[in-house]
Amino acid sequence: MYVLGIWDGHDSGAALLKDGQIAFAANEERFTRKKLEVEFPFCAVREALAFAGIRPADVGLVAVSTSDFAKTLTRVFPGMKRRYYLIRRRKVRPTVLSRFSKTSKYVLTEIGPSRLTRSVSSWAVKKALGSLGFSDYPLVWVHHHLAHAAAAVYTSPFSKGLFLSLDGIGDGLSGMLGTFDEGGIRVLKEYGGRDSLGIFFEHVTNLLNMRELEDEGKVMALASFGYPIPDAQNPLLPLFTVDGLDIKARYHSIGLYRKLKEILFLYPSEQFAYMAQRVLEVCISELVENARRETGLADLAYAGGVASNIKVNMLLKNSPGLDHLYVFPHMGDGGLALGAAIHASRQAFGTSHVGLDDLFLGPAPTRAEIEAEIERSGVRYERLPDIEDHAAELISRGEILLWYQGRMEYGPRALGDRSILAVPSSVAVKNRLNVFLKKRVWYQPFCPSMLEEDAAEILEDYNGVNNRFMTVGYMVKPRYADRMVAVINADNSCRPQILGADEASRYGRYYPLLRRLKERTGAGVVLNTSFNKHGESIINTPREALELLLNSQFNYLVMEDYLIWKDGSPGSGRSS
């Protein structure tokens, strides 16, 4: 039985389940090359069907998330979301109309779904699917936050526990909290759009001259440079109150923006970021602790856009009250398609657990396709059986290496199949990578991948749980800060990918590469950032990888077991 999940909003995508397990999942941006695409995921649906080798008629159920008023309006009038996409990503100059659009967005998204909006949304989605050849199938609607919750709950390793979904707003709500066990999900509390911690952080991001729904990680990084002050002196903390399982905002979303703007006028940007970060840390930690005490459950499955804040997740991980934390790796709206499919599969077929041992869930080129693209590009290359050893040598001598392997990763993080790799100990290498390709703000570090044994030595708060998907923050011991300078924040925190020997087979050549690096440098640690240019999505195809090589300042690409280099760069001794 195939279940197709669809999300056609911010970071649209598609996911395909076969007999309750994930066959394919990818976001539309990887195919259209428009970062955080908002259009209907035509390409992702086609790729899912092609990968599985099936036709639309073979799909037994289609699940879609979010049928609120605002989302329905953009399905009927897609020009509205296209215009807002340009405004949000700052592709057009600000005007009176753009300011009105932003204000309207926060008002309209608080209007929840109804029978009418669901009916109109169904018409729009069926029309889009009809153009792909779909007909005569059941269409199931899944609430925005139940899709987030299902993704976290049913891919988690827990048989029972707490779940929490927090984001900006969807289906009229900004969050949902509850419990789960073998009988399913039980909702204890819903949080209205007025009380949104996600919208609060969106406002902060916007006021700091950054792009909401995209640059919140920069705010979190900037907060590391703020001067710590007592919570009692933080003027942002009184804007929210946590009482038991309730979250209450002092102002509605528009009033909150105005109040934040007033406060920002009095503080430097880094101090404002620090104070805003503390609001999330204090409120979410208190909410989770209250839920733990009330329910007696100490394992948490967590999703929603706010769950991308790895500093909050670090506090939850280290909380003495929680036994275990699981953050769904594609926690934002880009994960809704998979969450909707999982929830629908649970309701229709009793799916109890969906395996998520890795995130290599996208398409993969054949060897013939790779070889054809290499020949077409005119680069020099050599096929090497011990490619990991050559790659480790290049990295250890200070080269920045483009790395392309297997199936494309699902979600926002590069995890060893579409990565750019370098030593973690060089500010010069970090700056070169930033200046010539990534164009990150100076205060935002890259992230490391590391072996489990090195994590136990380097990280202060390593708890034996491998952070395979980079969803939680850790603290680097002061004596290792210099060796990790390119991948840590000002406070020595980092977001590592940690791989154990028992996971080696799932990571192809990446785990052996870390082993080779350990032999050369003394630690199996590498700077790992996503394989893309600034402002673009992670690359998908061999052609895109080769084009980036040829149009960058970098000289080397490893694609499967091929070492590829540009003319004039020293190779491994001979060309093919």
Protein backbone atom coordinates (compact mmCIF):
# COMPACT_ATOMS: atom_id res chain seq x y z
CA MET A 1 0.00 0.00 0.00
CA TYR A 2 1.41 3.37 -1.05
CA VAL A 3 0.53 6.58 0.82
CA LEU A 4 1.56 9.90 -0.73
CA GLY A 5 2.04 12.90 1.54
CA ILE A 6 1.93 16.42 0.13
CA TRP A 7 2.73 19.89 1.46
CA ASP A 8 2.24 22.83 -0.91
CA GLY A 9 3.28 25.81 1.22
CA HIS A 10 6.56 27.18 2.57
CA ASP A 11 9.27 24.58 1.73
CA SER A 12 6.82 22.40 -0.17
CA GLY A 13 7.52 18.73 -0.73
CA ALA A 14 6.30 15.17 -1.10
CA ALA A 15 6.83 11.90 0.74
CA LEU A 16 5.90 8.35 -0.20
CA LEU A 17 5.28 5.50 2.23
CA LYS A 18 5.22 1.89 1.13
CA ASP A 19 3.57 -0.49 3.60
CA GLY A 20 4.06 2.04 6.38
CA GLN A 21 7.75 2.73 5.76
CA ILE A 22 9.44 5.62 3.96
CA ALA A 23 10.25 4.92 0.33
CA PHE A 24 11.05 8.50 -0.72
CA ALA A 25 10.96 12.03 0.68
CA ALA A 26 12.19 15.27 -0.83
CA ASN A 27 11.37 18.95 -1.01
CA GLU A 28 10.50 20.83 -4.17
CA GLU A 29 13.38 23.29 -3.81
CA ARG A 30 15.88 20.56 -4.74
CA PHE A 31 14.31 20.26 -8.19
CA THR A 32 13.25 23.84 -8.98
CA ARG A 33 16.44 25.30 -7.40
CA LYS A 34 14.34 27.96 -5.60
CA LYS A 35 15.26 27.82 -1.93
CA LEU A 36 12.29 27.08 0.35
CA GLU A 37 9.96 26.73 -2.66
CA VAL A 38 6.28 27.58 -2.09
CA GLU A 39 4.76 26.13 -5.27
CA PHE A 40 2.83 22.86 -5.47
CA PRO A 41 5.41 20.01 -5.39
CA PHE A 42 4.88 18.75 -8.94
CA CYS A 43 8.54 17.75 -9.35
CA ALA A 44 8.80 16.04 -5.95
CA VAL A 45 5.67 13.97 -6.64
CA ARG A 46 6.99 12.90 -10.06
CA GLU A 47 10.36 11.98 -8.55
CA ALA A 48 8.69 9.96 -5.79
CA LEU A 49 6.64 7.94 -8.27
CA ALA A 50 9.63 7.44 -10.57
CA PHE A 51 11.88 6.31 -7.74
CA ALA A 52 9.30 3.75 -6.57
CA GLY A 53 8.57 2.69 -10.15
CA ILE A 54 4.83 3.22 -9.79
CA ARG A 55 2.01 5.16 -11.47
CA PRO A 56 -0.48 7.56 -9.85
CA ALA A 57 -3.09 4.77 -9.95
CA ASP A 58 -0.89 2.69 -7.62
CA VAL A 59 -1.20 5.25 -4.81
CA GLY A 60 -3.92 4.15 -2.40
CA LEU A 61 -4.16 7.29 -0.29
CA VAL A 62 -3.11 10.94 -0.55
CA ALA A 63 -2.58 12.96 2.65
CA VAL A 64 -2.31 16.75 2.68
CA SER A 65 -1.69 19.13 5.58
CA THR A 66 -3.18 22.51 6.49
CA SER A 67 -6.52 23.79 5.22
CA ASP A 68 -6.81 27.08 7.10
CA PHE A 69 -8.19 30.25 5.52
CA ALA A 70 -4.83 31.80 4.55
CA LYS A 71 -3.48 28.60 2.98
CA THR A 72 -6.72 28.02 1.11
CA LEU A 73 -6.61 31.57 -0.22
CA THR A 74 -3.13 31.02 -1.67
CA ARG A 75 -4.23 27.74 -3.26
CA VAL A 76 -6.98 29.59 -5.12
CA PHE A 77 -4.83 32.66 -5.83
CA PRO A 78 -1.22 31.34 -6.01
CA GLY A 79 0.06 34.74 -7.07
CA MET A 80 -0.40 35.84 -3.46
CA LYS A 81 2.12 33.34 -2.09
CA ARG A 82 4.53 34.01 -4.97
CA ARG A 83 4.46 37.70 -4.15
CA TYR A 84 4.92 37.06 -0.44
CA TYR A 85 7.80 34.69 -1.19
CA LEU A 86 9.64 37.54 -2.91
CA ILE A 87 8.87 39.93 -0.06
CA ARG A 88 9.96 37.48 2.64
CA ARG A 89 13.19 36.60 0.85
CA ARG A 90 13.84 40.30 0.17
CA LYS A 91 13.86 39.90 -3.59
CA VAL A 92 11.78 43.07 -4.05
CA ARG A 93 12.09 46.54 -2.56
CA PRO A 94 9.83 47.35 0.41
CA THR A 95 6.65 49.23 -0.44
CA VAL A 96 3.42 50.15 1.28
CA LEU A 97 1.91 47.06 -0.34
CA SER A 98 4.65 44.77 0.99
CA ARG A 99 4.20 46.12 4.52
CA PHE A 100 0.45 45.58 4.20
CA SER A 101 1.06 42.04 2.96
CA LYS A 102 3.16 41.22 6.02
CA THR A 103 0.59 42.67 8.41
CA SER A 104 -2.24 40.84 6.64
CA LYS A 105 -0.32 37.57 6.83
CA TYR A 106 -0.24 37.63 10.63
CA VAL A 107 -3.95 38.48 10.82
CA LEU A 108 -5.19 35.97 8.24
CA THR A 109 -3.14 33.01 9.48
CA GLU A 110 -4.96 33.13 12.82
CA ILE A 111 -8.19 32.11 11.06
CA GLY A 112 -8.46 28.35 11.42
CA PRO A 113 -9.84 25.75 9.02
CA SER A 114 -13.54 25.25 8.35
CA ARG A 115 -15.71 22.97 6.25
CA LEU A 116 -15.66 25.60 3.49
CA THR A 117 -11.88 26.08 3.45
CA ARG A 118 -11.32 22.34 3.47
CA SER A 119 -13.71 21.89 0.56
CA VAL A 120 -12.05 24.63 -1.48
CA SER A 121 -8.56 23.36 -0.64
CA SER A 122 -9.59 19.85 -1.71
CA TRP A 123 -10.72 21.21 -5.07
CA ALA A 124 -7.41 23.03 -5.59
CA VAL A 125 -5.23 20.07 -4.58
CA LYS A 126 -7.21 17.60 -6.69
CA LYS A 127 -6.89 19.91 -9.67
CA ALA A 128 -3.10 19.99 -9.25
CA LEU A 129 -2.90 16.22 -8.80
CA GLY A 130 -5.16 15.71 -11.80
CA SER A 131 -2.53 17.36 -14.00
CA LEU A 132 -0.12 14.64 -12.80
CA GLY A 133 -2.50 11.84 -13.75
CA PHE A 134 -4.13 11.18 -10.38
CA SER A 135 -7.80 10.21 -10.26
CA ASP A 136 -10.14 8.20 -8.06
CA TYR A 137 -8.22 8.24 -4.77
CA PRO A 138 -9.14 9.13 -1.18
CA LEU A 139 -7.81 12.54 -0.09
CA VAL A 140 -7.19 12.91 3.64
CA TRP A 141 -6.60 16.20 5.44
CA VAL A 142 -4.23 16.22 8.41
CA HIS A 143 -4.11 19.11 10.88
CA HIS A 144 -0.88 21.11 10.65
CA HIS A 145 0.28 20.29 14.17
CA LEU A 146 -0.88 16.68 14.08
CA ALA A 147 1.35 16.27 11.02
CA HIS A 148 4.29 17.74 12.98
CA ALA A 149 3.43 15.56 15.97
CA ALA A 150 3.00 12.36 13.96
CA ALA A 151 6.38 12.86 12.28
CA ALA A 152 8.08 13.17 15.67
CA VAL A 153 6.09 10.55 17.57
CA TYR A 154 6.05 7.69 15.06
CA THR A 155 9.69 8.01 13.95
CA SER A 156 10.93 8.34 17.56
CA PRO A 157 12.44 5.40 19.47
CA PHE A 158 9.86 5.80 22.27
CA SER A 159 6.84 3.57 22.90
CA LYS A 160 5.27 6.30 25.05
CA GLY A 161 6.04 9.83 26.13
CA LEU A 162 5.30 13.51 25.63
CA PHE A 163 5.05 15.26 22.29
CA LEU A 164 5.40 18.96 21.56
CA SER A 165 4.85 20.87 18.31
CA LEU A 166 5.76 24.57 18.21
CA ASP A 167 6.06 26.80 15.17
CA GLY A 168 4.82 30.12 13.81
CA ILE A 169 1.23 29.22 12.96
CA GLY A 170 -0.70 26.63 10.99
CA ASP A 171 -4.40 25.74 10.92
CA GLY A 172 -4.95 28.60 13.36
CA LEU A 173 -2.62 27.20 16.03
CA SER A 174 0.97 27.88 16.99
CA GLY A 175 1.48 24.67 18.90
CA MET A 176 0.16 21.49 20.40
CA LEU A 177 1.24 19.46 23.42
CA GLY A 178 0.17 16.01 24.50
CA THR A 179 1.05 12.41 25.24
CA PHE A 180 1.36 9.27 23.15
CA ASP A 181 1.54 5.52 23.64
CA GLU A 182 0.69 2.42 21.65
CA GLY A 183 -2.90 3.67 21.46
CA GLY A 184 -1.84 6.82 19.60
CA ILE A 185 -1.67 10.55 20.24
CA ARG A 186 -3.67 12.36 22.94
CA VAL A 187 -3.76 16.15 22.73
CA LEU A 188 -3.64 17.90 26.10
CA LYS A 189 -3.22 21.51 25.03
CA GLU A 190 -3.51 23.63 21.90
CA TYR A 191 -1.83 27.04 21.57
CA GLY A 192 -3.50 29.80 19.57
CA GLY A 193 -1.79 31.96 17.00
CA ARG A 194 -1.87 34.92 19.38
CA ASP A 195 0.45 33.09 21.78
CA SER A 196 3.04 32.02 19.23
CA LEU A 197 6.66 31.72 20.30
CA GLY A 198 7.45 31.05 16.66
CA ILE A 199 5.95 34.35 15.49
CA PHE A 200 7.78 36.09 18.33
CA PHE A 201 11.11 34.80 16.99
CA GLU A 202 10.05 35.63 13.41
CA HIS A 203 9.50 39.24 14.52
CA VAL A 204 12.90 39.32 16.22
CA THR A 205 14.54 37.97 13.05
CA ASN A 206 12.79 40.56 10.91
CA LEU A 207 13.65 43.45 13.22
CA LEU A 208 17.32 42.44 13.12
CA ASN A 209 17.21 42.96 9.34
CA MET A 210 17.12 39.25 8.56
CA ARG A 211 14.65 37.02 6.69
CA GLU A 212 11.98 35.40 8.84
CA LEU A 213 11.44 31.66 8.33
CA GLU A 214 15.03 31.43 7.11
CA ASP A 215 17.54 33.32 9.26
CA GLU A 216 16.43 32.41 12.78
CA GLY A 217 19.63 30.38 13.13
CA LYS A 218 21.62 33.57 12.60
CA VAL A 219 19.74 35.20 15.48
CA MET A 220 20.59 32.23 17.69
CA ALA A 221 24.27 32.52 16.69
CA LEU A 222 24.30 36.29 17.27
CA ALA A 223 22.86 35.73 20.74
CA SER A 224 26.16 34.08 21.73
CA PHE A 225 27.76 37.54 21.55
CA GLY A 226 25.23 39.21 23.84
CA TYR A 227 26.21 40.15 27.36
CA PRO A 228 24.49 37.73 29.78
CA ILE A 229 22.04 39.48 32.09
CA PRO A 230 19.80 38.04 34.82
CA ASP A 231 16.41 36.91 33.57
CA ALA A 232 14.77 39.33 35.98
CA GLN A 233 16.33 42.20 34.02
CA ASN A 234 15.32 40.88 30.57
CA PRO A 235 12.54 43.16 29.22
CA LEU A 236 11.46 40.49 26.71
CA LEU A 237 10.67 37.76 29.21
CA PRO A 238 7.47 39.40 30.55
CA LEU A 239 6.03 39.31 27.02
CA PHE A 240 5.16 35.63 27.59
CA THR A 241 3.86 33.73 30.59
CA VAL A 242 3.93 29.97 31.12
CA ASP A 243 1.31 28.75 33.58
CA GLY A 244 1.08 24.99 33.91
CA LEU A 245 0.59 23.77 30.35
CA ASP A 246 -0.52 27.18 29.08
CA ILE A 247 1.53 29.74 27.12
CA LYS A 248 0.12 33.27 27.06
CA ALA A 249 1.42 36.29 25.15
CA ARG A 250 0.88 39.79 26.51
CA TYR A 251 0.21 41.20 23.03
CA HIS A 252 -1.31 39.98 19.77
CA SER A 253 1.12 39.48 16.88
CA ILE A 254 0.96 43.07 15.53
CA GLY A 255 1.19 44.61 18.98
CA LEU A 256 4.05 42.26 19.81
CA TYR A 257 6.00 43.48 16.78
CA ARG A 258 5.56 47.10 17.83
CA LYS A 259 6.63 46.37 21.40
CA LEU A 260 9.71 44.49 20.21
CA LYS A 261 10.61 47.39 17.94
CA GLU A 262 10.45 49.78 20.90
CA ILE A 263 12.72 47.57 23.00
CA LEU A 264 15.22 47.00 20.19
CA PHE A 265 15.74 50.77 19.97
CA LEU A 266 17.32 50.66 23.43
CA TYR A 267 19.73 47.74 22.91
CA PRO A 268 22.52 46.61 20.58
CA SER A 269 21.49 43.89 18.13
CA GLU A 270 23.52 41.13 19.82
CA GLN A 271 22.00 41.98 23.21
CA PHE A 272 18.49 41.95 21.74
CA ALA A 273 19.21 38.55 20.15
CA TYR A 274 20.47 37.23 23.49
CA MET A 275 17.34 38.39 25.31
CA ALA A 276 15.06 36.90 22.63
CA GLN A 277 16.90 33.59 22.75
CA ARG A 278 16.39 33.48 26.51
CA VAL A 279 12.63 33.85 26.01
CA LEU A 280 12.56 30.61 24.05
CA GLU A 281 14.90 28.85 26.45
CA VAL A 282 13.01 29.85 29.60
CA CYS A 283 9.46 29.38 28.28
CA ILE A 284 9.99 26.03 26.53
CA SER A 285 12.06 24.54 29.35
CA GLU A 286 9.40 25.54 31.87
CA LEU A 287 6.57 24.23 29.69
CA VAL A 288 8.24 20.84 29.18
CA GLU A 289 9.06 20.52 32.89
CA ASN A 290 5.45 21.32 33.81
CA ALA A 291 4.23 18.69 31.34
CA ARG A 292 6.65 16.13 32.73
CA ARG A 293 5.45 16.73 36.27
CA GLU A 294 1.79 16.62 35.30
CA THR A 295 1.99 13.44 33.21
CA GLY A 296 4.89 11.58 34.82
CA LEU A 297 6.35 11.02 31.34
CA ALA A 298 10.03 11.81 30.80
CA ASP A 299 10.64 11.12 27.07
CA LEU A 300 9.88 13.96 24.63
CA ALA A 301 9.25 13.83 20.86
CA TYR A 302 9.53 17.36 19.48
CA ALA A 303 8.82 19.02 16.10
CA GLY A 304 7.73 22.29 14.48
CA GLY A 305 9.86 25.18 13.26
CA VAL A 306 10.80 26.31 16.78
CA ALA A 307 12.39 22.89 17.30
CA SER A 308 15.20 23.97 14.95
CA ASN A 309 16.65 26.05 17.79
CA ILE A 310 19.48 23.77 18.89
CA LYS A 311 20.31 25.90 21.96
CA VAL A 312 16.84 25.27 23.38
CA ASN A 313 17.19 21.61 22.43
CA MET A 314 20.53 21.50 24.25
CA LEU A 315 18.86 22.73 27.44
CA LEU A 316 16.13 20.12 27.07
CA LYS A 317 18.71 17.39 26.44
CA ASN A 318 20.58 18.38 29.60
CA SER A 319 17.45 18.83 31.72
CA PRO A 320 17.58 16.56 34.78
CA GLY A 321 13.83 16.00 34.45
CA LEU A 322 13.87 14.58 30.92
CA ASP A 323 15.22 11.10 30.28
CA HIS A 324 15.40 11.34 26.50
CA LEU A 325 14.78 13.93 23.78
CA TYR A 326 14.02 13.16 20.13
CA VAL A 327 13.76 16.02 17.63
CA PHE A 328 12.28 15.11 14.27
CA PRO A 329 15.11 16.04 11.86
CA HIS A 330 12.97 17.90 9.29
CA MET A 331 11.20 19.75 12.05
CA GLY A 332 9.85 22.76 10.11
CA ASP A 333 7.06 22.94 7.55
CA GLY A 334 9.26 21.12 5.05
CA GLY A 335 8.52 17.97 7.06
CA LEU A 336 4.73 18.29 6.86
CA ALA A 337 4.36 16.05 3.80
CA LEU A 338 5.99 13.14 5.59
CA GLY A 339 4.12 13.87 8.82
CA ALA A 340 0.79 13.96 6.97
CA ALA A 341 1.56 10.65 5.24
CA ILE A 342 2.53 9.02 8.54
CA HIS A 343 -0.57 10.26 10.35
CA ALA A 344 -2.86 9.13 7.52
CA SER A 345 -1.15 5.73 7.39
CA ARG A 346 -1.61 5.39 11.14
CA GLN A 347 -5.32 6.23 10.92
CA ALA A 348 -6.04 4.06 7.86
CA PHE A 349 -3.74 1.08 8.31
CA GLY A 350 -2.58 1.14 11.94
CA THR A 351 1.05 2.03 11.21
CA SER A 352 2.76 2.05 14.60
CA HIS A 353 6.38 2.94 13.89
CA VAL A 354 8.19 4.36 10.88
CA GLY A 355 11.90 3.61 10.69
CA LEU A 356 14.22 6.59 10.23
CA ASP A 357 17.72 5.20 10.56
CA ASP A 358 19.07 7.74 8.08
CA LEU A 359 17.83 10.65 5.98
CA PHE A 360 19.13 9.51 2.59
CA LEU A 361 15.60 9.45 1.18
CA GLY A 362 15.90 11.42 -2.07
CA PRO A 363 16.94 10.45 -5.60
CA ALA A 364 20.33 8.98 -6.51
CA PRO A 365 22.02 9.04 -9.92
CA THR A 366 23.20 5.87 -11.62
CA ARG A 367 26.88 5.32 -12.32
CA ALA A 368 26.17 5.75 -16.04
CA GLU A 369 24.61 9.15 -15.37
CA ILE A 370 27.58 10.21 -13.25
CA GLU A 371 30.11 9.12 -15.88
CA ALA A 372 28.19 10.86 -18.65
CA GLU A 373 28.14 14.14 -16.73
CA ILE A 374 31.86 13.92 -15.91
CA GLU A 375 32.72 13.37 -19.57
CA ARG A 376 30.44 16.21 -20.66
CA SER A 377 32.01 18.67 -18.19
CA GLY A 378 35.56 18.26 -19.50
CA VAL A 379 37.14 18.02 -16.03
CA ARG A 380 40.07 15.79 -15.12
CA TYR A 381 39.24 12.76 -13.01
CA GLU A 382 40.37 9.40 -11.68
CA ARG A 383 38.41 6.51 -10.24
CA LEU A 384 40.02 5.39 -6.98
CA PRO A 385 39.06 2.33 -4.90
CA ASP A 386 40.47 4.00 -1.76
CA ILE A 387 38.83 7.37 -2.39
CA GLU A 388 38.34 8.04 1.34
CA ASP A 389 42.08 8.03 1.88
CA HIS A 390 42.69 10.54 -0.91
CA ALA A 391 39.84 12.73 0.37
CA ALA A 392 41.26 12.70 3.90
CA GLU A 393 44.66 13.71 2.56
CA LEU A 394 43.19 16.69 0.67
CA ILE A 395 41.17 17.86 3.68
CA SER A 396 44.03 17.45 6.16
CA ARG A 397 46.32 19.62 4.04
CA GLY A 398 43.78 22.48 4.04
CA GLU A 399 41.80 21.91 0.86
CA ILE A 400 38.05 22.55 0.77
CA LEU A 401 36.48 19.42 -0.69
CA LEU A 402 33.12 19.11 -2.47
CA TRP A 403 31.61 15.73 -1.54
CA TYR A 404 28.78 13.97 -3.43
CA GLN A 405 27.53 10.47 -2.59
CA GLY A 406 24.46 8.25 -2.97
CA ARG A 407 20.92 9.43 -2.31
CA MET A 408 20.19 13.07 -1.54
CA GLU A 409 19.52 13.96 2.10
CA TYR A 410 16.01 14.82 3.26
CA GLY A 411 15.77 17.97 5.35
CA PRO A 412 17.82 21.11 5.90
CA ARG A 413 21.13 19.51 6.92
CA ALA A 414 23.96 18.03 4.87
CA LEU A 415 24.77 14.71 6.53
CA GLY A 416 27.49 13.23 4.35
CA ASP A 417 25.94 12.75 0.91
CA ARG A 418 25.72 16.39 -0.31
CA SER A 419 28.40 18.11 1.79
CA ILE A 420 31.33 20.51 1.59
CA LEU A 421 34.16 19.39 3.87
CA ALA A 422 37.19 21.06 5.44
CA VAL A 423 39.34 20.98 8.58
CA PRO A 424 37.50 22.34 11.66
CA SER A 425 40.60 24.01 13.12
CA SER A 426 41.35 26.77 10.62
CA VAL A 427 39.84 30.26 10.69
CA ALA A 428 41.51 30.92 7.33
CA VAL A 429 39.77 27.94 5.72
CA LYS A 430 36.46 28.99 7.30
CA ASN A 431 36.84 32.53 5.96
CA ARG A 432 37.80 31.27 2.50
CA LEU A 433 34.73 29.06 2.41
CA ASN A 434 32.57 31.97 3.52
CA VAL A 435 33.98 34.61 1.19
CA PHE A 436 34.00 32.51 -1.98
CA LEU A 437 30.83 30.43 -1.59
CA LYS A 438 28.66 30.40 1.52
CA LYS A 439 28.61 34.15 2.31
CA ARG A 440 27.48 33.56 5.89
CA VAL A 441 27.55 36.32 8.47
CA TRP A 442 30.88 36.29 10.29
CA TYR A 443 29.41 35.22 13.63
CA GLN A 444 27.65 32.09 12.34
CA PRO A 445 29.88 29.01 12.58
CA PHE A 446 29.79 25.92 10.44
CA CYS A 447 29.03 22.52 11.96
CA PRO A 448 31.18 19.46 12.58
CA SER A 449 30.73 15.77 11.85
CA MET A 450 32.61 13.54 14.29
CA LEU A 451 33.15 10.00 15.41
CA GLU A 452 31.39 8.83 18.55
CA GLU A 453 34.68 8.20 20.35
CA ASP A 454 35.86 11.75 19.64
CA ALA A 455 32.52 13.21 20.74
CA ALA A 456 32.99 11.56 24.13
CA GLU A 457 36.38 13.24 24.43
CA ILE A 458 35.65 16.67 22.91
CA LEU A 459 32.12 17.46 24.13
CA GLU A 460 31.35 18.41 27.73
CA ASP A 461 27.77 17.19 27.70
CA TYR A 462 27.93 14.15 25.46
CA ASN A 463 25.35 11.73 26.85
CA GLY A 464 26.01 8.65 24.72
CA VAL A 465 23.12 9.42 22.36
CA ASN A 466 24.45 10.03 18.86
CA ASN A 467 23.16 13.20 17.27
CA ARG A 468 23.09 11.73 13.75
CA PHE A 469 20.80 14.40 12.33
CA MET A 470 22.35 17.57 13.87
CA THR A 471 19.21 18.48 15.83
CA VAL A 472 20.74 19.25 19.25
CA GLY A 473 23.53 21.51 20.50
CA TYR A 474 26.53 20.45 22.60
CA MET A 475 29.30 22.28 24.44
CA VAL A 476 32.93 21.87 23.42
CA LYS A 477 35.44 21.52 26.26
CA PRO A 478 37.58 24.70 26.51
CA ARG A 479 40.81 22.82 25.85
CA TYR A 480 39.50 21.72 22.45
CA ALA A 481 38.16 25.12 21.36
CA ASP A 482 41.20 25.96 19.20
CA ARG A 483 40.93 22.65 17.34
CA MET A 484 37.22 23.33 16.71
CA VAL A 485 37.39 27.07 16.07
CA ALA A 486 35.63 26.99 12.68
CA VAL A 487 32.65 24.98 13.98
CA ILE A 488 31.80 26.53 17.37
CA ASN A 489 29.90 29.58 18.56
CA ALA A 490 31.43 32.27 20.77
CA ASP A 491 30.23 30.33 23.82
CA ASN A 492 31.89 27.07 22.62
CA SER A 493 28.57 25.50 21.61
CA CYS A 494 28.24 23.55 18.38
CA ARG A 495 25.75 21.45 16.41
CA PRO A 496 27.58 18.19 15.71
CA GLN A 497 26.69 15.15 13.67
CA ILE A 498 27.90 12.20 15.74
CA LEU A 499 28.40 8.80 14.10
CA GLY A 500 29.03 5.50 15.84
CA ALA A 501 30.57 2.33 14.45
CA ASP A 502 27.18 0.59 14.47
CA GLU A 503 25.92 3.24 12.03
CA ALA A 504 28.88 3.03 9.64
CA SER A 505 27.10 0.96 7.00
CA ARG A 506 24.36 3.56 6.59
CA TYR A 507 26.84 6.33 5.83
CA GLY A 508 28.73 4.73 2.95
CA ARG A 509 32.13 6.33 2.45
CA TYR A 510 31.56 9.10 5.00
CA TYR A 511 32.29 7.06 8.12
CA PRO A 512 35.54 5.62 6.65
CA LEU A 513 36.53 9.18 5.68
CA LEU A 514 36.24 10.26 9.33
CA ARG A 515 38.38 7.26 10.28
CA ARG A 516 41.08 8.27 7.77
CA LEU A 517 41.00 11.83 9.11
CA LYS A 518 41.53 10.51 12.62
CA GLU A 519 44.64 8.67 11.45
CA ARG A 520 46.04 11.89 9.98
CA THR A 521 44.93 14.56 12.43
CA GLY A 522 44.34 12.69 15.69
CA ALA A 523 40.57 13.28 15.67
CA GLY A 524 37.79 12.03 13.41
CA VAL A 525 36.25 15.49 13.02
CA VAL A 526 35.49 17.48 9.87
CA LEU A 527 33.78 20.78 9.09
CA ASN A 528 30.61 19.75 7.25
CA THR A 529 28.40 22.29 5.52
CA SER A 530 25.74 21.87 2.86
CA PHE A 531 26.73 21.50 -0.80
CA ASN A 532 25.25 24.71 -2.21
CA LYS A 533 25.92 28.35 -2.93
CA HIS A 534 24.60 31.10 -0.69
CA GLY A 535 20.87 31.57 -1.17
CA GLU A 536 20.38 28.32 -3.10
CA SER A 537 19.10 24.93 -2.02
CA ILE A 538 21.36 21.91 -1.51
CA ILE A 539 22.39 20.48 -4.87
CA ASN A 540 20.70 17.39 -6.25
CA THR A 541 22.29 16.14 -9.48
CA PRO A 542 25.84 15.34 -10.67
CA ARG A 543 25.55 18.16 -13.21
CA GLU A 544 24.82 20.67 -10.43
CA ALA A 545 27.81 19.37 -8.45
CA LEU A 546 30.14 19.74 -11.41
CA GLU A 547 28.82 23.19 -12.30
CA LEU A 548 29.44 24.38 -8.76
CA LEU A 549 32.99 23.02 -8.92
CA LEU A 550 33.69 24.76 -12.22
CA ASN A 551 32.18 28.06 -11.06
CA SER A 552 33.81 28.17 -7.63
CA GLN A 553 37.23 28.98 -6.23
CA PHE A 554 37.65 25.36 -5.11
CA ASN A 555 39.55 22.66 -6.94
CA TYR A 556 38.34 19.23 -5.86
CA LEU A 557 35.17 17.19 -6.01
CA VAL A 558 34.69 13.62 -4.84
CA MET A 559 31.70 12.02 -6.56
CA GLU A 560 31.14 8.45 -5.42
CA ASP A 561 34.63 6.91 -5.99
CA TYR A 562 35.77 9.51 -8.54
CA LEU A 563 38.29 12.18 -7.63
CA ILE A 564 37.61 15.14 -9.92
CA TRP A 565 39.72 18.25 -10.24
CA LYS A 566 39.85 21.32 -12.42
CA ASP A 567 42.51 21.91 -15.02
CA GLY A 568 45.61 23.33 -13.39
CA SER A 569 44.98 21.73 -10.01
CA PRO A 570 47.34 19.00 -8.87
CA GLY A 571 45.60 15.65 -9.12
CA SER A 572 46.57 12.24 -7.87
CA GLY A 573 49.13 11.60 -10.59
CA ARG A 574 47.24 10.82 -13.77
CA SER A 575 44.01 11.70 -15.53
CA SER A 576 41.50 9.56 -17.36
